[in-house]
């Protein structure tokens, strides 16, 4: 399985170090480009990846044998749109370059924000970069605005006097829709040929989350060591006490994931709704069509496989 180096994905390392599912041999790779992970899944060289949660409609549209299996955490302030000091208003971005990960949620976040401010997505030039490159582009003056997640946003604000936050995922309209967040994907081959292993993998992830919530200090150190982050930067993203972190993310446990995916009954905090995956899918699908990433709108159920989540939730029942 793979992830890119960010604390919100690194619970897998806790599962491995603490041997939380002894029958599962987790072989974890850090791959910074999520599209490389999806290509490896298509080629049968990777079973599971943790990434941002918008790829499902693209996979269906392009016949990529990858399925979203659960949402794992909404962003509650870790994502920010930042303007360079030379830009005094959004309208000044017309004709300028803005940095996003094209085909990722950062592009949709930026697109929605621009349109709300009266700037069309065809009036700016999107620059496709991964996060550390986005910070470099901003600091180097190559781009006039960018979408960042922590700790990169704070690094830009600290090192670029006059730069300003214009939107953040802690605002009610962003957290209530849970637009910005992460998910777990599995290859179709893994799901179909090894369903028990798929369920064990999901069980390992959520056991790691549960262990971290009970042991946040030790868990954060495991994560920091694994992805080569300072502990302070890990805490900036996922928190220091296992609770919801405003300014960072909310880490779902299995029950919360089940509610978001509509598998079990129950309410969610922060304005999110049971079964919100459907609304989320439709929003991202329509924006990918607007950006030219997909040709058509697809039903959410064509790109989501809920069986591993159902299995781990049923196993938890008395």
Protein backbone atom coordinates (compact mmCIF):
# COMPACT_ATOMS: atom_id res chain seq x y z
CA UNK A 1 0.00 0.00 0.00
CA UNK A 2 1.07 3.61 -0.51
CA UNK A 3 0.60 7.13 0.77
CA UNK A 4 2.32 10.42 0.22
CA UNK A 5 4.26 11.96 3.07
CA UNK A 6 1.61 13.69 5.14
CA UNK A 7 0.48 12.97 8.71
CA UNK A 8 -3.17 12.42 7.81
CA UNK A 9 -2.27 9.27 5.86
CA UNK A 10 0.39 7.85 8.14
CA UNK A 11 -1.75 5.84 10.56
CA UNK A 12 -0.69 2.83 8.49
CA UNK A 13 2.73 3.05 10.16
CA UNK A 14 1.10 2.71 13.58
CA UNK A 15 -0.77 -0.37 12.35
CA UNK A 16 2.49 -1.88 11.18
CA UNK A 17 4.69 -0.96 14.15
CA UNK A 18 2.12 -2.08 16.72
CA UNK A 19 1.18 -5.19 14.70
CA UNK A 20 -2.49 -4.41 15.16
CA UNK A 21 -3.63 -7.03 12.64
CA UNK A 22 -1.08 -9.86 13.00
CA UNK A 23 -2.30 -11.78 9.94
CA UNK A 24 -1.63 -8.81 7.67
CA UNK A 25 1.80 -8.00 6.23
CA UNK A 26 1.73 -4.28 5.47
CA UNK A 27 4.30 -3.22 2.90
CA UNK A 28 4.14 0.58 2.89
CA UNK A 29 5.61 2.84 0.22
CA UNK A 30 5.73 6.62 0.12
CA UNK A 31 4.74 7.80 -3.36
CA UNK A 32 4.35 11.57 -3.60
CA UNK A 33 2.29 11.62 -6.81
CA UNK A 34 -1.13 9.99 -6.22
CA UNK A 35 -1.55 9.39 -9.95
CA UNK A 36 1.54 7.18 -9.85
CA UNK A 37 -0.14 5.14 -7.12
CA UNK A 38 -3.31 4.78 -9.17
CA UNK A 39 -1.26 3.66 -12.18
CA UNK A 40 0.48 1.03 -10.04
CA UNK A 41 -2.90 -0.17 -8.80
CA UNK A 42 -4.09 -0.50 -12.38
CA UNK A 43 -0.97 -2.54 -13.17
CA UNK A 44 -1.56 -4.91 -10.26
CA UNK A 45 1.51 -3.71 -8.34
CA UNK A 46 -0.35 -1.97 -5.51
CA UNK A 47 -3.45 -2.96 -3.55
CA UNK A 48 -4.31 0.06 -1.38
CA UNK A 49 -3.54 3.77 -1.34
CA UNK A 50 -4.47 6.68 0.90
CA UNK A 51 -5.05 9.93 -0.97
CA UNK A 52 -7.44 12.84 -1.31
CA UNK A 53 -11.02 11.81 -1.87
CA UNK A 54 -11.91 13.23 -5.29
CA UNK A 55 -10.47 10.59 -7.63
CA UNK A 56 -13.47 8.22 -7.77
CA UNK A 57 -15.34 9.95 -10.64
CA UNK A 58 -12.14 10.15 -12.70
CA UNK A 59 -11.48 6.44 -12.17
CA UNK A 60 -14.97 5.52 -13.37
CA UNK A 61 -14.87 7.90 -16.33
CA UNK A 62 -11.47 6.63 -17.52
CA UNK A 63 -12.13 2.94 -16.72
CA UNK A 64 -9.36 2.82 -14.12
CA UNK A 65 -9.84 -0.30 -11.93
CA UNK A 66 -9.66 1.59 -8.63
CA UNK A 67 -12.49 2.10 -6.14
CA UNK A 68 -12.98 4.42 -3.20
CA UNK A 69 -13.68 2.30 -0.13
CA UNK A 70 -14.05 4.93 2.59
CA UNK A 71 -13.68 8.58 3.45
CA UNK A 72 -11.11 8.91 6.27
CA UNK A 73 -10.90 12.53 7.41
CA UNK A 74 -12.32 15.94 6.55
CA UNK A 75 -10.08 18.99 6.52
CA UNK A 76 -11.00 21.38 9.33
CA UNK A 77 -8.61 24.22 8.57
CA UNK A 78 -5.49 22.50 7.32
CA UNK A 79 -6.30 23.67 3.75
CA UNK A 80 -5.83 27.33 2.85
CA UNK A 81 -5.89 29.53 -0.22
CA UNK A 82 -3.12 32.11 0.10
CA UNK A 83 -2.47 35.22 -1.99
CA UNK A 84 0.98 36.60 -2.69
CA UNK A 85 1.75 40.06 -1.23
CA UNK A 86 1.57 41.61 -4.70
CA UNK A 87 -2.14 40.70 -5.05
CA UNK A 88 -4.56 42.94 -3.18
CA UNK A 89 -7.84 41.39 -4.37
CA UNK A 90 -9.02 38.20 -6.11
CA UNK A 91 -9.85 40.14 -9.28
CA UNK A 92 -6.14 40.85 -9.73
CA UNK A 93 -5.58 37.13 -10.30
CA UNK A 94 -7.03 37.38 -13.79
CA UNK A 95 -4.28 36.47 -16.22
CA UNK A 96 -2.03 35.26 -13.38
CA UNK A 97 -0.71 31.83 -12.39
CA UNK A 98 -2.17 29.92 -9.44
CA UNK A 99 -0.70 26.71 -8.03
CA UNK A 100 -2.81 23.60 -7.45
CA UNK A 101 -2.53 19.86 -7.86
CA UNK A 102 -4.49 19.41 -11.07
CA UNK A 103 -6.94 16.54 -10.79
CA UNK A 104 -6.91 17.00 -7.02
CA UNK A 105 -9.20 18.64 -4.50
CA UNK A 106 -6.94 21.69 -4.35
CA UNK A 107 -8.01 22.52 -7.90
CA UNK A 108 -11.72 22.24 -7.06
CA UNK A 109 -11.30 24.30 -3.89
CA UNK A 110 -9.51 26.99 -5.87
CA UNK A 111 -12.05 26.84 -8.70
CA UNK A 112 -15.06 27.26 -6.39
CA UNK A 113 -13.38 30.11 -4.52
CA UNK A 114 -12.38 31.92 -7.71
CA UNK A 115 -15.90 31.72 -9.14
CA UNK A 116 -17.37 32.99 -5.88
CA UNK A 117 -15.04 35.99 -6.19
CA UNK A 118 -16.04 36.67 -9.80
CA UNK A 119 -12.98 35.12 -11.45
CA UNK A 120 -13.59 32.41 -14.05
CA UNK A 121 -11.44 29.30 -14.05
CA UNK A 122 -10.53 30.16 -17.64
CA UNK A 123 -9.23 33.55 -16.53
CA UNK A 124 -6.27 32.17 -14.57
CA UNK A 125 -3.47 29.78 -15.48
CA UNK A 126 -3.40 26.71 -13.27
CA UNK A 127 0.12 25.49 -12.48
CA UNK A 128 0.23 21.79 -11.62
CA UNK A 129 2.60 21.16 -8.70
CA UNK A 130 2.93 18.91 -5.66
CA UNK A 131 2.85 20.64 -2.30
CA UNK A 132 6.52 21.34 -1.57
CA UNK A 133 6.89 22.66 -5.12
CA UNK A 134 3.84 24.91 -4.59
CA UNK A 135 5.52 26.48 -1.58
CA UNK A 136 8.68 27.05 -3.60
CA UNK A 137 6.72 28.55 -6.49
CA UNK A 138 4.93 30.94 -4.16
CA UNK A 139 8.05 32.04 -2.32
CA UNK A 140 9.93 32.37 -5.61
CA UNK A 141 7.26 34.59 -7.14
CA UNK A 142 6.32 32.16 -9.91
CA UNK A 143 2.65 32.04 -8.87
CA UNK A 144 0.34 34.70 -7.44
CA UNK A 145 -1.85 32.39 -5.38
CA UNK A 146 -1.87 28.78 -4.27
CA UNK A 147 -3.78 26.21 -2.25
CA UNK A 148 -1.77 24.73 0.60
CA UNK A 149 -2.32 22.22 3.33
CA UNK A 150 -0.38 22.26 6.58
CA UNK A 151 2.42 22.56 7.39
CA UNK A 152 3.16 24.17 4.01
CA UNK A 153 0.65 27.00 4.36
CA UNK A 154 2.11 28.16 7.66
CA UNK A 155 5.61 27.95 6.21
CA UNK A 156 4.62 30.27 3.35
CA UNK A 157 2.91 32.74 5.69
CA UNK A 158 5.95 32.78 7.98
CA UNK A 159 8.50 33.24 5.20
CA UNK A 160 6.54 35.56 2.92
CA UNK A 161 5.55 38.73 4.78
CA UNK A 162 2.40 40.25 3.36
CA UNK A 163 0.95 36.96 2.09
CA UNK A 164 -2.65 36.49 3.17
CA UNK A 165 -5.11 33.65 3.81
CA UNK A 166 -8.27 34.19 1.73
CA UNK A 167 -10.14 30.96 2.46
CA UNK A 168 -9.73 28.07 4.86
CA UNK A 169 -11.41 24.70 5.25
CA UNK A 170 -12.38 25.56 8.84
CA UNK A 171 -15.12 27.85 7.49
CA UNK A 172 -18.59 26.40 7.97
CA UNK A 173 -19.39 26.17 4.25
CA UNK A 174 -16.32 24.02 3.62
CA UNK A 175 -16.37 21.72 6.64
CA UNK A 176 -20.13 21.14 6.44
CA UNK A 177 -19.79 19.86 2.87
CA UNK A 178 -16.59 17.95 3.75
CA UNK A 179 -15.38 18.81 0.26
CA UNK A 180 -11.75 18.79 1.35
CA UNK A 181 -10.71 15.48 2.83
CA UNK A 182 -9.03 12.13 2.39
CA UNK A 183 -10.00 8.62 1.54
CA UNK A 184 -8.82 5.07 1.06
CA UNK A 185 -8.77 3.36 -2.32
CA UNK A 186 -8.35 -0.27 -3.27
CA UNK A 187 -7.80 -1.90 -6.63
CA UNK A 188 -10.68 -3.85 -8.13
CA UNK A 189 -8.48 -6.94 -8.34
CA UNK A 190 -7.71 -6.77 -4.62
CA UNK A 191 -11.36 -6.26 -3.74
CA UNK A 192 -12.59 -9.09 -5.95
CA UNK A 193 -9.82 -11.65 -5.53
CA UNK A 194 -8.86 -11.08 -1.88
CA UNK A 195 -11.90 -9.67 -0.06
CA UNK A 196 -10.77 -10.98 3.33
CA UNK A 197 -7.41 -9.24 2.97
CA UNK A 198 -9.20 -6.06 1.87
CA UNK A 199 -11.30 -6.12 5.03
CA UNK A 200 -8.22 -6.81 7.15
CA UNK A 201 -6.45 -3.83 5.60
CA UNK A 202 -9.33 -1.54 6.48
CA UNK A 203 -9.48 -3.04 9.96
CA UNK A 204 -5.76 -2.35 10.40
CA UNK A 205 -6.23 1.30 9.46
CA UNK A 206 -9.09 1.92 11.87
CA UNK A 207 -7.39 -0.01 14.66
CA UNK A 208 -4.43 2.30 14.17
CA UNK A 209 -6.72 5.33 14.45
CA UNK A 210 -8.24 3.93 17.63
CA UNK A 211 -4.77 3.23 19.05
CA UNK A 212 -3.62 6.75 18.17
CA UNK A 213 -6.65 8.34 19.85
CA UNK A 214 -5.72 6.50 23.04
CA UNK A 215 -1.96 7.13 22.69
CA UNK A 216 -1.56 10.37 20.72
CA UNK A 217 1.91 11.31 21.97
CA UNK A 218 3.51 7.98 21.07
CA UNK A 219 1.45 7.72 17.90
CA UNK A 220 2.53 11.14 16.69
CA UNK A 221 6.16 10.21 17.26
CA UNK A 222 5.73 7.03 15.19
CA UNK A 223 4.19 9.08 12.39
CA UNK A 224 6.87 11.79 12.60
CA UNK A 225 9.67 9.22 12.38
CA UNK A 226 8.03 7.41 9.47
CA UNK A 227 7.43 10.41 7.21
CA UNK A 228 10.39 12.50 8.39
CA UNK A 229 8.28 15.34 9.81
CA UNK A 230 8.98 17.24 13.03
CA UNK A 231 6.49 16.20 15.72
CA UNK A 232 5.27 19.80 15.89
CA UNK A 233 4.27 19.62 12.22
CA UNK A 234 2.46 16.33 12.80
CA UNK A 235 0.54 17.92 15.67
CA UNK A 236 -0.30 20.90 13.45
CA UNK A 237 -2.20 18.52 11.15
CA UNK A 238 -3.73 15.81 13.36
CA UNK A 239 -3.46 17.34 16.84
CA UNK A 240 -1.81 16.32 20.08
CA UNK A 241 -4.71 14.80 22.00
CA UNK A 242 -6.62 12.53 19.60
CA UNK A 243 -9.54 14.96 19.36
CA UNK A 244 -10.95 17.02 16.48
CA UNK A 245 -8.41 19.72 15.62
CA UNK A 246 -9.70 23.04 14.34
CA UNK A 247 -6.95 24.27 12.05
CA UNK A 248 -6.05 20.71 11.13
CA UNK A 249 -8.21 17.67 10.35
CA UNK A 250 -10.86 15.52 11.99
CA UNK A 251 -9.66 11.91 11.99
CA UNK A 252 -12.65 9.60 11.48
CA UNK A 253 -12.94 6.41 13.46
CA UNK A 254 -14.68 3.49 11.76
CA UNK A 255 -18.12 4.44 13.05
CA UNK A 256 -17.82 8.01 11.78
CA UNK A 257 -16.56 6.75 8.43
CA UNK A 258 -19.54 4.40 8.28
CA UNK A 259 -21.93 7.28 8.88
CA UNK A 260 -20.33 9.47 6.24
CA UNK A 261 -20.49 6.62 3.74
CA UNK A 262 -24.12 5.86 4.68
CA UNK A 263 -23.40 2.35 5.93
CA UNK A 264 -24.65 2.86 9.50
CA UNK A 265 -27.11 5.24 11.12
CA UNK A 266 -26.07 8.16 13.28
CA UNK A 267 -25.09 11.81 13.16
CA UNK A 268 -21.78 13.48 12.42
CA UNK A 269 -20.35 16.68 13.94
CA UNK A 270 -19.49 19.99 12.26
CA UNK A 271 -22.58 20.05 10.04
CA UNK A 272 -21.72 16.94 8.05
CA UNK A 273 -24.54 14.55 7.13
CA UNK A 274 -25.07 10.82 7.17
CA UNK A 275 -24.47 9.47 3.68
CA UNK A 276 -22.75 12.66 2.57
CA UNK A 277 -20.52 10.72 0.20
CA UNK A 278 -23.31 11.00 -2.41
CA UNK A 279 -23.33 14.80 -2.34
CA UNK A 280 -19.53 14.86 -2.25
CA UNK A 281 -19.29 12.58 -5.28
CA UNK A 282 -21.77 14.66 -7.28
CA UNK A 283 -19.93 17.89 -6.48
CA UNK A 284 -16.52 16.58 -7.48
CA UNK A 285 -17.89 14.82 -10.57
CA UNK A 286 -19.53 18.02 -11.83
CA UNK A 287 -16.37 20.04 -11.25
CA UNK A 288 -14.22 17.47 -13.04
CA UNK A 289 -16.56 17.78 -15.98
CA UNK A 290 -16.14 21.56 -15.86
CA UNK A 291 -12.35 21.19 -15.77
CA UNK A 292 -12.40 18.66 -18.61
CA UNK A 293 -11.09 15.82 -16.44
CA UNK A 294 -14.16 13.64 -17.13
CA UNK A 295 -16.60 13.37 -20.00
CA UNK A 296 -19.77 12.51 -18.11
CA UNK A 297 -21.57 12.41 -14.77
CA UNK A 298 -21.56 9.02 -13.07
CA UNK A 299 -23.61 7.51 -10.27
CA UNK A 300 -21.61 7.40 -7.05
CA UNK A 301 -22.21 3.70 -6.58
CA UNK A 302 -20.21 2.90 -9.74
CA UNK A 303 -17.00 4.14 -8.13
CA UNK A 304 -17.43 3.12 -4.49
CA UNK A 305 -17.10 -0.32 -2.92
CA UNK A 306 -18.51 -0.43 0.61
CA UNK A 307 -17.92 -4.13 1.36
CA UNK A 308 -14.68 -3.79 3.37
CA UNK A 309 -16.24 -1.05 5.50
CA UNK A 310 -19.41 -3.07 6.04
CA UNK A 311 -17.32 -6.04 7.07
CA UNK A 312 -15.29 -4.19 9.70
CA UNK A 313 -18.39 -2.48 11.08
CA UNK A 314 -20.32 -5.74 11.31
CA UNK A 315 -17.38 -7.39 13.06
CA UNK A 316 -17.54 -4.65 15.70
CA UNK A 317 -21.19 -5.38 16.53
CA UNK A 318 -21.82 -7.39 19.74
